[in-house]
Amino acid sequence: MFLFSLKLPRGTYKIMFLNGMFRTLFAGEYFVGANKIFDVIPGQINYGGRLRIDFLRSSGQQIYETKVEDRFDEDQSRFKNDFPALQNRAIVKDLIY
């Protein structure tokens, strides 16, 4: 699990894609479309969800399926445990679709 932290000025932003390396038998870089528009409000922390990528085999080719899971309660507790600076901060659910 990862916590991404960005400090942005007030405004409206769009996450177009996420990319990264994933551990698989044949590791490679993957791009995941997000197309999520969100507003930055000073002092607000947004929870985007937990990204899950399932790697599958189809006709001898490796394909992947991406999902965003809503694990808000579990993740919020874990973040506040692992990052004491978040203890007294409200986290708003704003899932990536």
PDB file of N, CA and C in Angstrom:
ATOM      1  N   MET A   1       0.851  -1.165   0.000  1.00  0.00           N
ATOM      2  CA  MET A   1       0.000   0.000   0.000  1.00  0.00           C
ATOM      3  C   MET A   1       0.898   1.230   0.000  1.00  0.00           C
ATOM      4  N   PHE A   2       0.467   2.248  -0.734  1.00  0.00           N
ATOM      5  CA  PHE A   2       1.220   3.490  -0.832  1.00  0.00           C
ATOM      6  C   PHE A   2       0.324   4.664  -0.490  1.00  0.00           C
ATOM      7  N   LEU A   3       0.930   5.678   0.073  1.00  0.00           N
ATOM      8  CA  LEU A   3       0.253   6.931   0.318  1.00  0.00           C
ATOM      9  C   LEU A   3       0.956   7.965  -0.542  1.00  0.00           C
ATOM     10  N   PHE A   4       0.213   8.564  -1.462  1.00  0.00           N
ATOM     11  CA  PHE A   4       0.776   9.611  -2.307  1.00  0.00           C
ATOM     12  C   PHE A   4       0.353  10.948  -1.720  1.00  0.00           C
ATOM     13  N   SER A   5       1.306  11.811  -1.552  1.00  0.00           N
ATOM     14  CA  SER A   5       1.033  13.111  -0.976  1.00  0.00           C
ATOM     15  C   SER A   5       1.454  14.199  -1.955  1.00  0.00           C
ATOM     16  N   LEU A   6       0.532  15.086  -2.260  1.00  0.00           N
ATOM     17  CA  LEU A   6       0.804  16.226  -3.139  1.00  0.00           C
ATOM     18  C   LEU A   6       0.321  17.493  -2.449  1.00  0.00           C
ATOM     19  N   LYS A   7       1.100  18.529  -2.565  1.00  0.00           N
ATOM     20  CA  LYS A   7       0.679  19.821  -2.038  1.00  0.00           C
ATOM     21  C   LYS A   7       0.458  20.720  -3.239  1.00  0.00           C
ATOM     22  N   LEU A   8      -0.801  21.075  -3.472  1.00  0.00           N
ATOM     23  CA  LEU A   8      -1.172  21.850  -4.654  1.00  0.00           C
ATOM     24  C   LEU A   8      -1.900  23.117  -4.236  1.00  0.00           C
ATOM     25  N   PRO A   9      -1.774  24.175  -5.038  1.00  0.00           N
ATOM     26  CA  PRO A   9      -2.565  25.372  -4.761  1.00  0.00           C
ATOM     27  C   PRO A   9      -4.053  25.101  -5.017  1.00  0.00           C
ATOM     28  N   ARG A  10      -4.906  25.895  -4.417  1.00  0.00           N
ATOM     29  CA  ARG A  10      -6.354  25.765  -4.603  1.00  0.00           C
ATOM     30  C   ARG A  10      -6.687  25.754  -6.091  1.00  0.00           C
ATOM     31  N   GLY A  11      -7.585  24.861  -6.486  1.00  0.00           N
ATOM     32  CA  GLY A  11      -7.990  24.807  -7.881  1.00  0.00           C
ATOM     33  C   GLY A  11      -8.564  23.451  -8.242  1.00  0.00           C
ATOM     34  N   THR A  12      -8.842  23.262  -9.516  1.00  0.00           N
ATOM     35  CA  THR A  12      -9.383  22.019 -10.039  1.00  0.00           C
ATOM     36  C   THR A  12      -8.298  21.331 -10.856  1.00  0.00           C
ATOM     37  N   TYR A  13      -8.118  20.027 -10.634  1.00  0.00           N
ATOM     38  CA  TYR A  13      -7.067  19.248 -11.284  1.00  0.00           C
ATOM     39  C   TYR A  13      -7.655  17.965 -11.854  1.00  0.00           C
ATOM     40  N   LYS A  14      -6.896  17.349 -12.754  1.00  0.00           N
ATOM     41  CA  LYS A  14      -7.311  16.078 -13.345  1.00  0.00           C
ATOM     42  C   LYS A  14      -6.130  15.112 -13.320  1.00  0.00           C
ATOM     43  N   ILE A  15      -6.358  13.919 -12.793  1.00  0.00           N
ATOM     44  CA  ILE A  15      -5.376  12.840 -12.875  1.00  0.00           C
ATOM     45  C   ILE A  15      -5.730  12.075 -14.137  1.00  0.00           C
ATOM     46  N   MET A  16      -4.854  12.099 -15.123  1.00  0.00           N
ATOM     47  CA  MET A  16      -5.143  11.438 -16.395  1.00  0.00           C
ATOM     48  C   MET A  16      -4.742   9.972 -16.383  1.00  0.00           C
ATOM     49  N   PHE A  17      -3.632   9.641 -15.729  1.00  0.00           N
ATOM     50  CA  PHE A  17      -3.197   8.253 -15.659  1.00  0.00           C
ATOM     51  C   PHE A  17      -2.238   8.076 -14.498  1.00  0.00           C
ATOM     52  N   LEU A  18      -2.067   6.841 -14.103  1.00  0.00           N
ATOM     53  CA  LEU A  18      -1.069   6.440 -13.114  1.00  0.00           C
ATOM     54  C   LEU A  18      -0.146   5.463 -13.826  1.00  0.00           C
ATOM     55  N   ASN A  19       1.118   5.514 -13.505  1.00  0.00           N
ATOM     56  CA  ASN A  19       2.014   4.516 -14.086  1.00  0.00           C
ATOM     57  C   ASN A  19       3.020   4.067 -13.052  1.00  0.00           C
ATOM     58  N   GLY A  20       3.584   2.893 -13.290  1.00  0.00           N
ATOM     59  CA  GLY A  20       4.566   2.365 -12.356  1.00  0.00           C
ATOM     60  C   GLY A  20       4.981   0.964 -12.722  1.00  0.00           C
ATOM     61  N   MET A  21       5.888   0.440 -11.931  1.00  0.00           N
ATOM     62  CA  MET A  21       6.388  -0.927 -12.121  1.00  0.00           C
ATOM     63  C   MET A  21       5.647  -1.832 -11.140  1.00  0.00           C
ATOM     64  N   PHE A  22       5.274  -2.992 -11.619  1.00  0.00           N
ATOM     65  CA  PHE A  22       4.577  -3.946 -10.786  1.00  0.00           C
ATOM     66  C   PHE A  22       5.324  -5.272 -10.812  1.00  0.00           C
ATOM     67  N   ARG A  23       5.362  -5.948  -9.690  1.00  0.00           N
ATOM     68  CA  ARG A  23       6.071  -7.222  -9.620  1.00  0.00           C
ATOM     69  C   ARG A  23       5.223  -8.343 -10.209  1.00  0.00           C
ATOM     70  N   THR A  24       5.682  -8.860 -11.292  1.00  0.00           N
ATOM     71  CA  THR A  24       5.046 -10.006 -11.928  1.00  0.00           C
ATOM     72  C   THR A  24       6.170 -10.875 -12.471  1.00  0.00           C
ATOM     73  N   LEU A  25       5.815 -11.995 -13.050  1.00  0.00           N
ATOM     74  CA  LEU A  25       6.823 -12.865 -13.636  1.00  0.00           C
ATOM     75  C   LEU A  25       7.613 -12.112 -14.703  1.00  0.00           C
ATOM     76  N   PHE A  26       6.918 -11.357 -15.517  1.00  0.00           N
ATOM     77  CA  PHE A  26       7.561 -10.528 -16.539  1.00  0.00           C
ATOM     78  C   PHE A  26       7.252  -9.078 -16.204  1.00  0.00           C
ATOM     79  N   ALA A  27       8.028  -8.494 -15.298  1.00  0.00           N
ATOM     80  CA  ALA A  27       7.766  -7.131 -14.823  1.00  0.00           C
ATOM     81  C   ALA A  27       7.896  -6.139 -15.961  1.00  0.00           C
ATOM     82  N   GLY A  28       7.080  -5.154 -15.920  1.00  0.00           N
ATOM     83  CA  GLY A  28       7.123  -4.099 -16.918  1.00  0.00           C
ATOM     84  C   GLY A  28       6.432  -2.871 -16.387  1.00  0.00           C
ATOM     85  N   GLU A  29       6.499  -1.811 -17.151  1.00  0.00           N
ATOM     86  CA  GLU A  29       5.842  -0.589 -16.745  1.00  0.00           C
ATOM     87  C   GLU A  29       4.424  -0.589 -17.299  1.00  0.00           C
ATOM     88  N   TYR A  30       3.479  -0.220 -16.465  1.00  0.00           N
ATOM     89  CA  TYR A  30       2.083  -0.222 -16.847  1.00  0.00           C
ATOM     90  C   TYR A  30       1.483   1.159 -16.643  1.00  0.00           C
ATOM     91  N   PHE A  31       0.587   1.543 -17.527  1.00  0.00           N
ATOM     92  CA  PHE A  31      -0.145   2.793 -17.425  1.00  0.00           C
ATOM     93  C   PHE A  31      -1.608   2.460 -17.166  1.00  0.00           C
ATOM     94  N   VAL A  32      -2.203   3.158 -16.226  1.00  0.00           N
ATOM     95  CA  VAL A  32      -3.592   2.937 -15.877  1.00  0.00           C
ATOM     96  C   VAL A  32      -4.324   4.259 -16.036  1.00  0.00           C
ATOM     97  N   GLY A  33      -5.317   4.293 -16.898  1.00  0.00           N
ATOM     98  CA  GLY A  33      -6.111   5.511 -17.069  1.00  0.00           C
ATOM     99  C   GLY A  33      -6.924   5.796 -15.829  1.00  0.00           C
ATOM    100  N   ALA A  34      -7.031   7.061 -15.470  1.00  0.00           N
ATOM    101  CA  ALA A  34      -7.802   7.424 -14.287  1.00  0.00           C
ATOM    102  C   ALA A  34      -8.911   8.416 -14.638  1.00  0.00           C
ATOM    103  N   ASN A  35      -8.580   9.481 -15.351  1.00  0.00           N
ATOM    104  CA  ASN A  35      -9.549  10.515 -15.730  1.00  0.00           C
ATOM    105  C   ASN A  35     -10.393  10.981 -14.554  1.00  0.00           C
ATOM    106  N   LYS A  36      -9.728  11.334 -13.479  1.00  0.00           N
ATOM    107  CA  LYS A  36     -10.408  11.783 -12.261  1.00  0.00           C
ATOM    108  C   LYS A  36     -10.195  13.275 -12.084  1.00  0.00           C
ATOM    109  N   ILE A  37     -11.275  14.002 -12.004  1.00  0.00           N
ATOM    110  CA  ILE A  37     -11.220  15.438 -11.745  1.00  0.00           C
ATOM    111  C   ILE A  37     -11.506  15.632 -10.257  1.00  0.00           C
ATOM    112  N   PHE A  38     -10.715  16.469  -9.625  1.00  0.00           N
ATOM    113  CA  PHE A  38     -10.927  16.728  -8.210  1.00  0.00           C
ATOM    114  C   PHE A  38     -10.575  18.178  -7.886  1.00  0.00           C
ATOM    115  N   ASP A  39     -11.184  18.682  -6.840  1.00  0.00           N
ATOM    116  CA  ASP A  39     -10.926  20.040  -6.385  1.00  0.00           C
ATOM    117  C   ASP A  39     -10.004  20.006  -5.183  1.00  0.00           C
ATOM    118  N   VAL A  40      -9.060  20.912  -5.175  1.00  0.00           N
ATOM    119  CA  VAL A  40      -8.173  21.056  -4.028  1.00  0.00           C
ATOM    120  C   VAL A  40      -8.727  22.188  -3.174  1.00  0.00           C
ATOM    121  N   ILE A  41      -9.026  21.840  -1.948  1.00  0.00           N
ATOM    122  CA  ILE A  41      -9.524  22.815  -0.981  1.00  0.00           C
ATOM    123  C   ILE A  41      -8.460  22.906   0.108  1.00  0.00           C
ATOM    124  N   PRO A  42      -8.021  24.101   0.440  1.00  0.00           N
ATOM    125  CA  PRO A  42      -6.964  24.237   1.449  1.00  0.00           C
ATOM    126  C   PRO A  42      -7.264  23.461   2.728  1.00  0.00           C
ATOM    127  N   GLY A  43      -6.294  22.675   3.162  1.00  0.00           N
ATOM    128  CA  GLY A  43      -6.411  21.926   4.412  1.00  0.00           C
ATOM    129  C   GLY A  43      -7.168  20.610   4.304  1.00  0.00           C
ATOM    130  N   GLN A  44      -7.698  20.258   3.129  1.00  0.00           N
ATOM    131  CA  GLN A  44      -8.469  19.020   2.977  1.00  0.00           C
ATOM    132  C   GLN A  44      -7.588  17.906   2.449  1.00  0.00           C
ATOM    133  N   ILE A  45      -7.776  16.706   2.980  1.00  0.00           N
ATOM    134  CA  ILE A  45      -7.058  15.516   2.516  1.00  0.00           C
ATOM    135  C   ILE A  45      -8.069  14.603   1.840  1.00  0.00           C
ATOM    136  N   ASN A  46      -7.790  14.206   0.590  1.00  0.00           N
ATOM    137  CA  ASN A  46      -8.706  13.353  -0.172  1.00  0.00           C
ATOM    138  C   ASN A  46      -8.178  11.922  -0.251  1.00  0.00           C
ATOM    139  N   TYR A  47      -9.088  10.957  -0.085  1.00  0.00           N
ATOM    140  CA  TYR A  47      -8.767   9.535  -0.241  1.00  0.00           C
ATOM    141  C   TYR A  47      -9.270   9.099  -1.611  1.00  0.00           C
ATOM    142  N   GLY A  48      -8.357   8.603  -2.470  1.00  0.00           N
ATOM    143  CA  GLY A  48      -8.717   8.219  -3.833  1.00  0.00           C
ATOM    144  C   GLY A  48      -9.046   6.760  -4.016  1.00  0.00           C
ATOM    145  N   GLY A  49      -8.815   5.923  -3.014  1.00  0.00           N
ATOM    146  CA  GLY A  49      -9.092   4.494  -3.130  1.00  0.00           C
ATOM    147  C   GLY A  49      -7.819   3.688  -3.217  1.00  0.00           C
ATOM    148  N   ARG A  50      -7.987   2.389  -3.230  1.00  0.00           N
ATOM    149  CA  ARG A  50      -6.854   1.471  -3.330  1.00  0.00           C
ATOM    150  C   ARG A  50      -6.863   0.870  -4.735  1.00  0.00           C
ATOM    151  N   LEU A  51      -5.800   1.107  -5.472  1.00  0.00           N
ATOM    152  CA  LEU A  51      -5.689   0.605  -6.835  1.00  0.00           C
ATOM    153  C   LEU A  51      -5.296  -0.870  -6.799  1.00  0.00           C
ATOM    154  N   ARG A  52      -6.062  -1.685  -7.511  1.00  0.00           N
ATOM    155  CA  ARG A  52      -5.769  -3.114  -7.580  1.00  0.00           C
ATOM    156  C   ARG A  52      -5.607  -3.488  -9.047  1.00  0.00           C
ATOM    157  N   ILE A  53      -4.548  -4.217  -9.344  1.00  0.00           N
ATOM    158  CA  ILE A  53      -4.289  -4.650 -10.715  1.00  0.00           C
ATOM    159  C   ILE A  53      -4.187  -6.170 -10.715  1.00  0.00           C
ATOM    160  N   ASP A  54      -5.048  -6.811 -11.470  1.00  0.00           N
ATOM    161  CA  ASP A  54      -5.031  -8.264 -11.611  1.00  0.00           C
ATOM    162  C   ASP A  54      -4.386  -8.615 -12.943  1.00  0.00           C
ATOM    163  N   PHE A  55      -3.352  -9.454 -12.891  1.00  0.00           N
ATOM    164  CA  PHE A  55      -2.677  -9.897 -14.104  1.00  0.00           C
ATOM    165  C   PHE A  55      -3.249 -11.248 -14.515  1.00  0.00           C
ATOM    166  N   LEU A  56      -3.634 -11.365 -15.766  1.00  0.00           N
ATOM    167  CA  LEU A  56      -4.282 -12.564 -16.280  1.00  0.00           C
ATOM    168  C   LEU A  56      -3.565 -13.044 -17.530  1.00  0.00           C
ATOM    169  N   ARG A  57      -3.770 -14.284 -17.867  1.00  0.00           N
ATOM    170  CA  ARG A  57      -3.240 -14.826 -19.118  1.00  0.00           C
ATOM    171  C   ARG A  57      -4.419 -15.125 -20.030  1.00  0.00           C
ATOM    172  N   SER A  58      -4.293 -14.683 -21.278  1.00  0.00           N
ATOM    173  CA  SER A  58      -5.334 -14.929 -22.261  1.00  0.00           C
ATOM    174  C   SER A  58      -4.671 -15.231 -23.598  1.00  0.00           C
ATOM    175  N   SER A  59      -4.905 -16.402 -24.131  1.00  0.00           N
ATOM    176  CA  SER A  59      -4.322 -16.822 -25.413  1.00  0.00           C
ATOM    177  C   SER A  59      -2.806 -16.626 -25.431  1.00  0.00           C
ATOM    178  N   GLY A  60      -2.172 -16.964 -24.323  1.00  0.00           N
ATOM    179  CA  GLY A  60      -0.717 -16.866 -24.255  1.00  0.00           C
ATOM    180  C   GLY A  60      -0.185 -15.469 -24.010  1.00  0.00           C
ATOM    181  N   GLN A  61      -1.054 -14.487 -23.904  1.00  0.00           N
ATOM    182  CA  GLN A  61      -0.610 -13.119 -23.651  1.00  0.00           C
ATOM    183  C   GLN A  61      -1.009 -12.690 -22.246  1.00  0.00           C
ATOM    184  N   GLN A  62      -0.159 -11.888 -21.669  1.00  0.00           N
ATOM    185  CA  GLN A  62      -0.466 -11.366 -20.346  1.00  0.00           C
ATOM    186  C   GLN A  62      -1.269 -10.078 -20.506  1.00  0.00           C
ATOM    187  N   ILE A  63      -2.414 -10.040 -19.856  1.00  0.00           N
ATOM    188  CA  ILE A  63      -3.236  -8.840 -19.867  1.00  0.00           C
ATOM    189  C   ILE A  63      -3.488  -8.445 -18.418  1.00  0.00           C
ATOM    190  N   TYR A  64      -3.966  -7.248 -18.204  1.00  0.00           N
ATOM    191  CA  TYR A  64      -4.260  -6.845 -16.842  1.00  0.00           C
ATOM    192  C   TYR A  64      -5.571  -6.088 -16.769  1.00  0.00           C
ATOM    193  N   GLU A  65      -6.169  -6.168 -15.595  1.00  0.00           N
ATOM    194  CA  GLU A  65      -7.433  -5.500 -15.327  1.00  0.00           C
ATOM    195  C   GLU A  65      -7.232  -4.617 -14.102  1.00  0.00           C
ATOM    196  N   THR A  66      -7.649  -3.390 -14.184  1.00  0.00           N
ATOM    197  CA  THR A  66      -7.471  -2.472 -13.059  1.00  0.00           C
ATOM    198  C   THR A  66      -8.806  -2.185 -12.383  1.00  0.00           C
ATOM    199  N   LYS A  67      -8.736  -2.054 -11.077  1.00  0.00           N
ATOM    200  CA  LYS A  67      -9.920  -1.746 -10.282  1.00  0.00           C
ATOM    201  C   LYS A  67      -9.502  -0.757  -9.197  1.00  0.00           C
ATOM    202  N   VAL A  68     -10.438   0.043  -8.773  1.00  0.00           N
ATOM    203  CA  VAL A  68     -10.221   0.889  -7.609  1.00  0.00           C
ATOM    204  C   VAL A  68     -11.147   0.368  -6.522  1.00  0.00           C
ATOM    205  N   GLU A  69     -10.547  -0.049  -5.414  1.00  0.00           N
ATOM    206  CA  GLU A  69     -11.329  -0.597  -4.310  1.00  0.00           C
ATOM    207  C   GLU A  69     -11.545   0.468  -3.247  1.00  0.00           C
ATOM    208  N   ASP A  70     -12.740   0.474  -2.700  1.00  0.00           N
ATOM    209  CA  ASP A  70     -13.065   1.391  -1.611  1.00  0.00           C
ATOM    210  C   ASP A  70     -12.760   0.682  -0.294  1.00  0.00           C
ATOM    211  N   ARG A  71     -11.607   0.973   0.255  1.00  0.00           N
ATOM    212  CA  ARG A  71     -11.206   0.422   1.562  1.00  0.00           C
ATOM    213  C   ARG A  71     -10.979   1.586   2.524  1.00  0.00           C
ATOM    214  N   PHE A  72     -11.870   2.572   2.435  1.00  0.00           N
ATOM    215  CA  PHE A  72     -11.712   3.830   3.153  1.00  0.00           C
ATOM    216  C   PHE A  72     -11.465   3.635   4.646  1.00  0.00           C
ATOM    217  N   ASP A  73     -12.334   2.885   5.318  1.00  0.00           N
ATOM    218  CA  ASP A  73     -12.200   2.733   6.771  1.00  0.00           C
ATOM    219  C   ASP A  73     -10.872   2.078   7.150  1.00  0.00           C
ATOM    220  N   GLU A  74     -10.542   0.995   6.459  1.00  0.00           N
ATOM    221  CA  GLU A  74      -9.300   0.275   6.733  1.00  0.00           C
ATOM    222  C   GLU A  74      -8.071   1.147   6.435  1.00  0.00           C
ATOM    223  N   ASP A  75      -8.062   1.785   5.277  1.00  0.00           N
ATOM    224  CA  ASP A  75      -6.913   2.595   4.875  1.00  0.00           C
ATOM    225  C   ASP A  75      -6.768   3.836   5.742  1.00  0.00           C
ATOM    226  N   GLN A  76      -7.877   4.481   6.071  1.00  0.00           N
ATOM    227  CA  GLN A  76      -7.817   5.678   6.912  1.00  0.00           C
ATOM    228  C   GLN A  76      -7.185   5.344   8.264  1.00  0.00           C
ATOM    229  N   SER A  77      -7.588   4.227   8.859  1.00  0.00           N
ATOM    230  CA  SER A  77      -7.014   3.806  10.140  1.00  0.00           C
ATOM    231  C   SER A  77      -5.524   3.521  10.006  1.00  0.00           C
ATOM    232  N   ARG A  78      -5.165   2.846   8.936  1.00  0.00           N
ATOM    233  CA  ARG A  78      -3.755   2.501   8.732  1.00  0.00           C
ATOM    234  C   ARG A  78      -2.905   3.754   8.494  1.00  0.00           C
ATOM    235  N   PHE A  79      -3.396   4.681   7.676  1.00  0.00           N
ATOM    236  CA  PHE A  79      -2.656   5.921   7.425  1.00  0.00           C
ATOM    237  C   PHE A  79      -2.453   6.700   8.725  1.00  0.00           C
ATOM    238  N   LYS A  80      -3.508   6.796   9.522  1.00  0.00           N
ATOM    239  CA  LYS A  80      -3.399   7.547  10.771  1.00  0.00           C
ATOM    240  C   LYS A  80      -2.477   6.855  11.765  1.00  0.00           C
ATOM    241  N   ASN A  81      -2.387   5.540  11.694  1.00  0.00           N
ATOM    242  CA  ASN A  81      -1.448   4.782  12.531  1.00  0.00           C
ATOM    243  C   ASN A  81      -0.013   4.989  12.079  1.00  0.00           C
ATOM    244  N   ASP A  82       0.209   4.906  10.767  1.00  0.00           N
ATOM    245  CA  ASP A  82       1.557   4.991  10.201  1.00  0.00           C
ATOM    246  C   ASP A  82       2.083   6.414  10.089  1.00  0.00           C
ATOM    247  N   PHE A  83       1.185   7.390  10.029  1.00  0.00           N
ATOM    248  CA  PHE A  83       1.574   8.790   9.853  1.00  0.00           C
ATOM    249  C   PHE A  83       0.913   9.624  10.949  1.00  0.00           C
ATOM    250  N   PRO A  84       1.586   9.776  12.086  1.00  0.00           N
ATOM    251  CA  PRO A  84       0.995  10.487  13.233  1.00  0.00           C
ATOM    252  C   PRO A  84       0.519  11.908  12.916  1.00  0.00           C
ATOM    253  N   ALA A  85       1.090  12.558  11.905  1.00  0.00           N
ATOM    254  CA  ALA A  85       0.659  13.912  11.551  1.00  0.00           C
ATOM    255  C   ALA A  85      -0.796  13.925  11.070  1.00  0.00           C
ATOM    256  N   LEU A  86      -1.341  12.771  10.694  1.00  0.00           N
ATOM    257  CA  LEU A  86      -2.725  12.686  10.215  1.00  0.00           C
ATOM    258  C   LEU A  86      -3.724  12.402  11.337  1.00  0.00           C
ATOM    259  N   GLN A  87      -3.242  12.161  12.554  1.00  0.00           N
ATOM    260  CA  GLN A  87      -4.108  11.770  13.669  1.00  0.00           C
ATOM    261  C   GLN A  87      -5.322  12.682  13.842  1.00  0.00           C
ATOM    262  N   ASN A  88      -5.114  13.974  13.795  1.00  0.00           N
ATOM    263  CA  ASN A  88      -6.199  14.914  14.052  1.00  0.00           C
ATOM    264  C   ASN A  88      -6.715  15.589  12.787  1.00  0.00           C
ATOM    265  N   ARG A  89      -6.512  14.944  11.633  1.00  0.00           N
ATOM    266  CA  ARG A  89      -6.937  15.519  10.354  1.00  0.00           C
ATOM    267  C   ARG A  89      -8.081  14.690   9.772  1.00  0.00           C
ATOM    268  N   ALA A  90      -9.038  15.362   9.181  1.00  0.00           N
ATOM    269  CA  ALA A  90     -10.152  14.675   8.514  1.00  0.00           C
ATOM    270  C   ALA A  90      -9.697  14.269   7.121  1.00  0.00           C
ATOM    271  N   ILE A  91     -10.058  13.065   6.717  1.00  0.00           N
ATOM    272  CA  ILE A  91      -9.775  12.566   5.371  1.00  0.00           C
ATOM    273  C   ILE A  91     -11.116  12.380   4.670  1.00  0.00           C
ATOM    274  N   VAL A  92     -11.249  12.964   3.483  1.00  0.00           N
ATOM    275  CA  VAL A  92     -12.501  12.933   2.727  1.00  0.00           C
ATOM    276  C   VAL A  92     -12.423  11.852   1.658  1.00  0.00           C
ATOM    277  N   LYS A  93     -13.472  11.030   1.539  1.00  0.00           N
ATOM    278  CA  LYS A  93     -13.506   9.999   0.498  1.00  0.00           C
ATOM    279  C   LYS A  93     -13.823  10.632  -0.845  1.00  0.00           C
ATOM    280  N   ASP A  94     -12.940  10.449  -1.815  1.00  0.00           N
ATOM    281  CA  ASP A  94     -13.098  11.005  -3.167  1.00  0.00           C
ATOM    282  C   ASP A  94     -12.502   9.992  -4.143  1.00  0.00           C
ATOM    283  N   LEU A  95     -13.214   8.898  -4.381  1.00  0.00           N
ATOM    284  CA  LEU A  95     -12.675   7.757  -5.123  1.00  0.00           C
ATOM    285  C   LEU A  95     -12.358   8.066  -6.575  1.00  0.00           C
ATOM    286  N   ILE A  96     -11.247   7.506  -7.027  1.00  0.00           N
ATOM    287  CA  ILE A  96     -10.886   7.538  -8.446  1.00  0.00           C
ATOM    288  C   ILE A  96     -11.777   6.516  -9.136  1.00  0.00           C
ATOM    289  N   TYR A  97     -12.346   6.861 -10.271  1.00  0.00           N
ATOM    290  CA  TYR A  97     -13.207   5.902 -10.971  1.00  0.00           C
ATOM    291  C   TYR A  97     -12.560   5.436 -12.242  1.00  0.00           C
TER     292      TYR A  97
END
